[in-house]
Amino acid sequence: MLFKGRCPSCKKLFKVHEIGDELISQGDIYYKVENNSRVAYQKNMYRADYACNHCQHEWSKKYFKKEKVDNCD
């Protein structure tokens, strides 16, 4: 994302900080072959909360993250 550090309210650059993030939902487990072995992955949805240091505006964004799964058998 080109302007990840821009507040959507005041449009100031580099005034944004992340307040926290939270796992919203877990996707189905799928497998990939890596180095001749099966590796389990899961595509999870997170919500990240942000705030602006300049105008105190707060907002959230959802994003997906592919993560390895341990002990899924």
PDB file of N, CA and C in Angstrom:
ATOM      1  N   MET A   1       0.855  -1.177   0.000  1.00  0.00           N
ATOM      2  CA  MET A   1       0.000   0.000   0.000  1.00  0.00           C
ATOM      3  C   MET A   1       0.897   1.236   0.000  1.00  0.00           C
ATOM      4  N   LEU A   2       0.654   2.144  -0.899  1.00  0.00           N
ATOM      5  CA  LEU A   2       1.526   3.293  -1.076  1.00  0.00           C
ATOM      6  C   LEU A   2       1.452   4.272   0.097  1.00  0.00           C
ATOM      7  N   PHE A   3       0.263   4.616   0.540  1.00  0.00           N
ATOM      8  CA  PHE A   3       0.108   5.603   1.607  1.00  0.00           C
ATOM      9  C   PHE A   3      -0.439   4.958   2.873  1.00  0.00           C
ATOM     10  N   LYS A   4       0.245   3.935   3.354  1.00  0.00           N
ATOM     11  CA  LYS A   4      -0.194   3.227   4.545  1.00  0.00           C
ATOM     12  C   LYS A   4      -0.191   4.133   5.768  1.00  0.00           C
ATOM     13  N   GLY A   5       0.697   5.116   5.813  1.00  0.00           N
ATOM     14  CA  GLY A   5       0.809   5.990   6.960  1.00  0.00           C
ATOM     15  C   GLY A   5       0.010   7.276   6.848  1.00  0.00           C
ATOM     16  N   ARG A   6      -1.036   7.311   6.026  1.00  0.00           N
ATOM     17  CA  ARG A   6      -1.836   8.528   5.836  1.00  0.00           C
ATOM     18  C   ARG A   6      -3.180   8.383   6.549  1.00  0.00           C
ATOM     19  N   CYS A   7      -3.547   9.393   7.327  1.00  0.00           N
ATOM     20  CA  CYS A   7      -4.836   9.410   8.011  1.00  0.00           C
ATOM     21  C   CYS A   7      -5.946   9.669   6.989  1.00  0.00           C
ATOM     22  N   PRO A   8      -7.030   8.885   6.992  1.00  0.00           N
ATOM     23  CA  PRO A   8      -8.115   9.126   6.042  1.00  0.00           C
ATOM     24  C   PRO A   8      -8.932  10.378   6.362  1.00  0.00           C
ATOM     25  N   SER A   9      -8.790  10.913   7.557  1.00  0.00           N
ATOM     26  CA  SER A   9      -9.550  12.095   7.938  1.00  0.00           C
ATOM     27  C   SER A   9      -8.801  13.399   7.633  1.00  0.00           C
ATOM     28  N   CYS A  10      -7.619  13.588   8.222  1.00  0.00           N
ATOM     29  CA  CYS A  10      -6.878  14.838   8.041  1.00  0.00           C
ATOM     30  C   CYS A  10      -5.860  14.764   6.902  1.00  0.00           C
ATOM     31  N   LYS A  11      -5.617  13.560   6.361  1.00  0.00           N
ATOM     32  CA  LYS A  11      -4.692  13.308   5.244  1.00  0.00           C
ATOM     33  C   LYS A  11      -3.220  13.547   5.581  1.00  0.00           C
ATOM     34  N   LYS A  12      -2.886  13.707   6.844  1.00  0.00           N
ATOM     35  CA  LYS A  12      -1.486  13.899   7.233  1.00  0.00           C
ATOM     36  C   LYS A  12      -0.717  12.589   7.068  1.00  0.00           C
ATOM     37  N   LEU A  13       0.508  12.719   6.573  1.00  0.00           N
ATOM     38  CA  LEU A  13       1.370  11.559   6.399  1.00  0.00           C
ATOM     39  C   LEU A  13       2.154  11.266   7.677  1.00  0.00           C
ATOM     40  N   PHE A  14       2.407   9.985   7.900  1.00  0.00           N
ATOM     41  CA  PHE A  14       3.281   9.509   8.979  1.00  0.00           C
ATOM     42  C   PHE A  14       2.824   9.916  10.375  1.00  0.00           C
ATOM     43  N   LYS A  15       1.526  10.118  10.569  1.00  0.00           N
ATOM     44  CA  LYS A  15       0.980  10.430  11.897  1.00  0.00           C
ATOM     45  C   LYS A  15       0.155   9.278  12.448  1.00  0.00           C
ATOM     46  N   VAL A  16       0.159   8.143  11.732  1.00  0.00           N
ATOM     47  CA  VAL A  16      -0.683   7.005  12.079  1.00  0.00           C
ATOM     48  C   VAL A  16       0.082   6.005  12.938  1.00  0.00           C
ATOM     49  N   HIS A  17      -0.586   5.477  13.952  1.00  0.00           N
ATOM     50  CA  HIS A  17       0.000   4.373  14.705  1.00  0.00           C
ATOM     51  C   HIS A  17      -1.071   3.294  14.903  1.00  0.00           C
ATOM     52  N   GLU A  18      -0.605   2.055  14.975  1.00  0.00           N
ATOM     53  CA  GLU A  18      -1.522   0.935  15.146  1.00  0.00           C
ATOM     54  C   GLU A  18      -1.843   0.763  16.620  1.00  0.00           C
ATOM     55  N   ILE A  19      -3.119   0.704  16.931  1.00  0.00           N
ATOM     56  CA  ILE A  19      -3.576   0.512  18.307  1.00  0.00           C
ATOM     57  C   ILE A  19      -3.517  -0.969  18.669  1.00  0.00           C
ATOM     58  N   GLY A  20      -3.898  -1.825  17.720  1.00  0.00           N
ATOM     59  CA  GLY A  20      -3.887  -3.266  17.954  1.00  0.00           C
ATOM     60  C   GLY A  20      -4.499  -3.993  16.773  1.00  0.00           C
ATOM     61  N   ASP A  21      -4.422  -5.315  16.811  1.00  0.00           N
ATOM     62  CA  ASP A  21      -5.112  -6.101  15.798  1.00  0.00           C
ATOM     63  C   ASP A  21      -5.707  -7.335  16.447  1.00  0.00           C
ATOM     64  N   GLU A  22      -6.720  -7.890  15.778  1.00  0.00           N
ATOM     65  CA  GLU A  22      -7.485  -8.990  16.349  1.00  0.00           C
ATOM     66  C   GLU A  22      -7.840  -9.989  15.253  1.00  0.00           C
ATOM     67  N   LEU A  23      -7.743 -11.267  15.589  1.00  0.00           N
ATOM     68  CA  LEU A  23      -8.151 -12.327  14.675  1.00  0.00           C
ATOM     69  C   LEU A  23      -9.671 -12.344  14.617  1.00  0.00           C
ATOM     70  N   ILE A  24     -10.226 -12.205  13.405  1.00  0.00           N
ATOM     71  CA  ILE A  24     -11.679 -12.192  13.234  1.00  0.00           C
ATOM     72  C   ILE A  24     -12.199 -13.575  12.867  1.00  0.00           C
ATOM     73  N   SER A  25     -11.567 -14.199  11.874  1.00  0.00           N
ATOM     74  CA  SER A  25     -12.016 -15.532  11.469  1.00  0.00           C
ATOM     75  C   SER A  25     -10.849 -16.332  10.910  1.00  0.00           C
ATOM     76  N   GLN A  26     -10.977 -17.647  11.040  1.00  0.00           N
ATOM     77  CA  GLN A  26      -9.965 -18.555  10.530  1.00  0.00           C
ATOM     78  C   GLN A  26     -10.509 -19.247   9.290  1.00  0.00           C
ATOM     79  N   GLY A  27      -9.687 -19.314   8.268  1.00  0.00           N
ATOM     80  CA  GLY A  27     -10.083 -19.965   7.032  1.00  0.00           C
ATOM     81  C   GLY A  27      -9.853 -21.462   7.085  1.00  0.00           C
ATOM     82  N   ASP A  28     -10.210 -22.116   5.992  1.00  0.00           N
ATOM     83  CA  ASP A  28      -9.996 -23.557   5.880  1.00  0.00           C
ATOM     84  C   ASP A  28      -8.506 -23.858   5.753  1.00  0.00           C
ATOM     85  N   ILE A  29      -8.137 -25.038   6.197  1.00  0.00           N
ATOM     86  CA  ILE A  29      -6.752 -25.473   6.089  1.00  0.00           C
ATOM     87  C   ILE A  29      -6.524 -26.041   4.695  1.00  0.00           C
ATOM     88  N   TYR A  30      -5.436 -25.642   4.078  1.00  0.00           N
ATOM     89  CA  TYR A  30      -5.047 -26.183   2.781  1.00  0.00           C
ATOM     90  C   TYR A  30      -3.573 -26.546   2.846  1.00  0.00           C
ATOM     91  N   TYR A  31      -3.151 -27.366   1.895  1.00  0.00           N
ATOM     92  CA  TYR A  31      -1.792 -27.905   1.931  1.00  0.00           C
ATOM     93  C   TYR A  31      -1.001 -27.487   0.697  1.00  0.00           C
ATOM     94  N   LYS A  32       0.282 -27.263   0.896  1.00  0.00           N
ATOM     95  CA  LYS A  32       1.227 -27.000  -0.182  1.00  0.00           C
ATOM     96  C   LYS A  32       2.396 -27.958  -0.026  1.00  0.00           C
ATOM     97  N   VAL A  33       3.014 -28.293  -1.136  1.00  0.00           N
ATOM     98  CA  VAL A  33       4.205 -29.134  -1.092  1.00  0.00           C
ATOM     99  C   VAL A  33       5.422 -28.222  -1.117  1.00  0.00           C
ATOM    100  N   GLU A  34       6.220 -28.305  -0.061  1.00  0.00           N
ATOM    101  CA  GLU A  34       7.439 -27.507   0.053  1.00  0.00           C
ATOM    102  C   GLU A  34       8.579 -28.442   0.433  1.00  0.00           C
ATOM    103  N   ASN A  35       9.614 -28.450  -0.369  1.00  0.00           N
ATOM    104  CA  ASN A  35      10.784 -29.307  -0.116  1.00  0.00           C
ATOM    105  C   ASN A  35      10.387 -30.775   0.071  1.00  0.00           C
ATOM    106  N   ASN A  36       9.521 -31.248  -0.807  1.00  0.00           N
ATOM    107  CA  ASN A  36       9.053 -32.646  -0.820  1.00  0.00           C
ATOM    108  C   ASN A  36       8.284 -33.055   0.431  1.00  0.00           C
ATOM    109  N   SER A  37       7.672 -32.120   1.134  1.00  0.00           N
ATOM    110  CA  SER A  37       6.802 -32.467   2.260  1.00  0.00           C
ATOM    111  C   SER A  37       5.557 -31.576   2.227  1.00  0.00           C
ATOM    112  N   ARG A  38       4.481 -32.103   2.791  1.00  0.00           N
ATOM    113  CA  ARG A  38       3.215 -31.363   2.830  1.00  0.00           C
ATOM    114  C   ARG A  38       3.217 -30.394   4.005  1.00  0.00           C
ATOM    115  N   VAL A  39       2.901 -29.139   3.729  1.00  0.00           N
ATOM    116  CA  VAL A  39       2.851 -28.115   4.767  1.00  0.00           C
ATOM    117  C   VAL A  39       1.442 -27.546   4.797  1.00  0.00           C
ATOM    118  N   ALA A  40       0.861 -27.448   5.993  1.00  0.00           N
ATOM    119  CA  ALA A  40      -0.497 -26.951   6.157  1.00  0.00           C
ATOM    120  C   ALA A  40      -0.481 -25.434   6.330  1.00  0.00           C
ATOM    121  N   TYR A  41      -1.405 -24.772   5.639  1.00  0.00           N
ATOM    122  CA  TYR A  41      -1.572 -23.320   5.737  1.00  0.00           C
ATOM    123  C   TYR A  41      -3.028 -22.987   6.007  1.00  0.00           C
ATOM    124  N   GLN A  42      -3.247 -21.786   6.480  1.00  0.00           N
ATOM    125  CA  GLN A  42      -4.585 -21.296   6.744  1.00  0.00           C
ATOM    126  C   GLN A  42      -4.609 -19.808   6.413  1.00  0.00           C
ATOM    127  N   LYS A  43      -5.661 -19.360   5.731  1.00  0.00           N
ATOM    128  CA  LYS A  43      -5.800 -17.947   5.393  1.00  0.00           C
ATOM    129  C   LYS A  43      -6.754 -17.330   6.409  1.00  0.00           C
ATOM    130  N   ASN A  44      -6.221 -16.529   7.331  1.00  0.00           N
ATOM    131  CA  ASN A  44      -6.992 -15.946   8.423  1.00  0.00           C
ATOM    132  C   ASN A  44      -7.282 -14.477   8.174  1.00  0.00           C
ATOM    133  N   MET A  45      -8.432 -14.015   8.678  1.00  0.00           N
ATOM    134  CA  MET A  45      -8.810 -12.613   8.545  1.00  0.00           C
ATOM    135  C   MET A  45      -8.569 -11.895   9.876  1.00  0.00           C
ATOM    136  N   TYR A  46      -7.915 -10.741   9.790  1.00  0.00           N
ATOM    137  CA  TYR A  46      -7.628  -9.916  10.959  1.00  0.00           C
ATOM    138  C   TYR A  46      -8.240  -8.534  10.787  1.00  0.00           C
ATOM    139  N   ARG A  47      -8.464  -7.861  11.917  1.00  0.00           N
ATOM    140  CA  ARG A  47      -8.866  -6.463  11.905  1.00  0.00           C
ATOM    141  C   ARG A  47      -7.789  -5.670  12.633  1.00  0.00           C
ATOM    142  N   ALA A  48      -7.237  -4.666  11.954  1.00  0.00           N
ATOM    143  CA  ALA A  48      -6.219  -3.801  12.561  1.00  0.00           C
ATOM    144  C   ALA A  48      -6.863  -2.453  12.887  1.00  0.00           C
ATOM    145  N   ASP A  49      -6.622  -1.957  14.091  1.00  0.00           N
ATOM    146  CA  ASP A  49      -7.158  -0.670  14.536  1.00  0.00           C
ATOM    147  C   ASP A  49      -6.041   0.368  14.538  1.00  0.00           C
ATOM    148  N   TYR A  50      -6.334   1.538  13.993  1.00  0.00           N
ATOM    149  CA  TYR A  50      -5.354   2.616  13.860  1.00  0.00           C
ATOM    150  C   TYR A  50      -5.894   3.903  14.480  1.00  0.00           C
ATOM    151  N   ALA A  51      -4.981   4.804  14.810  1.00  0.00           N
ATOM    152  CA  ALA A  51      -5.333   6.134  15.305  1.00  0.00           C
ATOM    153  C   ALA A  51      -4.329   7.136  14.749  1.00  0.00           C
ATOM    154  N   CYS A  52      -4.796   8.370  14.569  1.00  0.00           N
ATOM    155  CA  CYS A  52      -3.952   9.447  14.072  1.00  0.00           C
ATOM    156  C   CYS A  52      -3.423  10.261  15.254  1.00  0.00           C
ATOM    157  N   ASN A  53      -2.131  10.501  15.269  1.00  0.00           N
ATOM    158  CA  ASN A  53      -1.528  11.318  16.329  1.00  0.00           C
ATOM    159  C   ASN A  53      -1.874  12.793  16.171  1.00  0.00           C
ATOM    160  N   HIS A  54      -2.266  13.195  14.970  1.00  0.00           N
ATOM    161  CA  HIS A  54      -2.549  14.610  14.701  1.00  0.00           C
ATOM    162  C   HIS A  54      -3.990  14.998  15.066  1.00  0.00           C
ATOM    163  N   CYS A  55      -4.974  14.244  14.538  1.00  0.00           N
ATOM    164  CA  CYS A  55      -6.381  14.622  14.740  1.00  0.00           C
ATOM    165  C   CYS A  55      -7.159  13.645  15.629  1.00  0.00           C
ATOM    166  N   GLN A  56      -6.502  12.583  16.115  1.00  0.00           N
ATOM    167  CA  GLN A  56      -7.091  11.566  16.989  1.00  0.00           C
ATOM    168  C   GLN A  56      -8.208  10.750  16.331  1.00  0.00           C
ATOM    169  N   HIS A  57      -8.291  10.792  15.010  1.00  0.00           N
ATOM    170  CA  HIS A  57      -9.264   9.967  14.286  1.00  0.00           C
ATOM    171  C   HIS A  57      -8.881   8.501  14.438  1.00  0.00           C
ATOM    172  N   GLU A  58      -9.871   7.607  14.644  1.00  0.00           N
ATOM    173  CA  GLU A  58      -9.628   6.177  14.760  1.00  0.00           C
ATOM    174  C   GLU A  58     -10.399   5.440  13.680  1.00  0.00           C
ATOM    175  N   TRP A  59      -9.801   4.372  13.138  1.00  0.00           N
ATOM    176  CA  TRP A  59     -10.456   3.573  12.105  1.00  0.00           C
ATOM    177  C   TRP A  59      -9.887   2.166  12.123  1.00  0.00           C
ATOM    178  N   SER A  60     -10.539   1.285  11.390  1.00  0.00           N
ATOM    179  CA  SER A  60     -10.130  -0.114  11.307  1.00  0.00           C
ATOM    180  C   SER A  60     -10.020  -0.542   9.858  1.00  0.00           C
ATOM    181  N   LYS A  61      -9.168  -1.530   9.617  1.00  0.00           N
ATOM    182  CA  LYS A  61      -9.043  -2.149   8.303  1.00  0.00           C
ATOM    183  C   LYS A  61      -8.962  -3.644   8.498  1.00  0.00           C
ATOM    184  N   LYS A  62      -9.590  -4.376   7.573  1.00  0.00           N
ATOM    185  CA  LYS A  62      -9.506  -5.830   7.591  1.00  0.00           C
ATOM    186  C   LYS A  62      -8.454  -6.267   6.585  1.00  0.00           C
ATOM    187  N   TYR A  63      -7.734  -7.335   6.939  1.00  0.00           N
ATOM    188  CA  TYR A  63      -6.735  -7.877   6.021  1.00  0.00           C
ATOM    189  C   TYR A  63      -6.620  -9.379   6.226  1.00  0.00           C
ATOM    190  N   PHE A  64      -6.124 -10.057   5.205  1.00  0.00           N
ATOM    191  CA  PHE A  64      -5.925 -11.499   5.249  1.00  0.00           C
ATOM    192  C   PHE A  64      -4.446 -11.804   5.402  1.00  0.00           C
ATOM    193  N   LYS A  65      -4.168 -12.900   6.086  1.00  0.00           N
ATOM    194  CA  LYS A  65      -2.789 -13.312   6.315  1.00  0.00           C
ATOM    195  C   LYS A  65      -2.716 -14.828   6.199  1.00  0.00           C
ATOM    196  N   LYS A  66      -1.810 -15.318   5.342  1.00  0.00           N
ATOM    197  CA  LYS A  66      -1.590 -16.755   5.204  1.00  0.00           C
ATOM    198  C   LYS A  66      -0.589 -17.175   6.267  1.00  0.00           C
ATOM    199  N   GLU A  67      -0.980 -18.180   7.052  1.00  0.00           N
ATOM    200  CA  GLU A  67      -0.123 -18.618   8.151  1.00  0.00           C
ATOM    201  C   GLU A  67       0.034 -20.129   8.138  1.00  0.00           C
ATOM    202  N   LYS A  68       1.217 -20.588   8.529  1.00  0.00           N
ATOM    203  CA  LYS A  68       1.443 -22.026   8.669  1.00  0.00           C
ATOM    204  C   LYS A  68       0.677 -22.535   9.883  1.00  0.00           C
ATOM    205  N   VAL A  69       0.182 -23.766   9.766  1.00  0.00           N
ATOM    206  CA  VAL A  69      -0.574 -24.392  10.847  1.00  0.00           C
ATOM    207  C   VAL A  69       0.262 -25.519  11.423  1.00  0.00           C
ATOM    208  N   ASP A  70       0.422 -25.526  12.735  1.00  0.00           N
ATOM    209  CA  ASP A  70       1.156 -26.594  13.422  1.00  0.00           C
ATOM    210  C   ASP A  70       0.182 -27.643  13.929  1.00  0.00           C
ATOM    211  N   ASN A  71       0.565 -28.889  13.860  1.00  0.00           N
ATOM    212  CA  ASN A  71      -0.207 -30.008  14.416  1.00  0.00           C
ATOM    213  C   ASN A  71      -1.659 -30.009  13.954  1.00  0.00           C
ATOM    214  N   CYS A  72      -1.878 -30.032  12.657  1.00  0.00           N
ATOM    215  CA  CYS A  72      -3.244 -30.022  12.141  1.00  0.00           C
ATOM    216  C   CYS A  72      -3.765 -31.419  11.824  1.00  0.00           C
ATOM    217  N   ASP A  73      -2.958 -32.443  11.946  1.00  0.00           N
ATOM    218  CA  ASP A  73      -3.407 -33.814  11.618  1.00  0.00           C
ATOM    219  C   ASP A  73      -4.222 -34.431  12.722  1.00  0.00           C
TER     220      ASP A  73
END
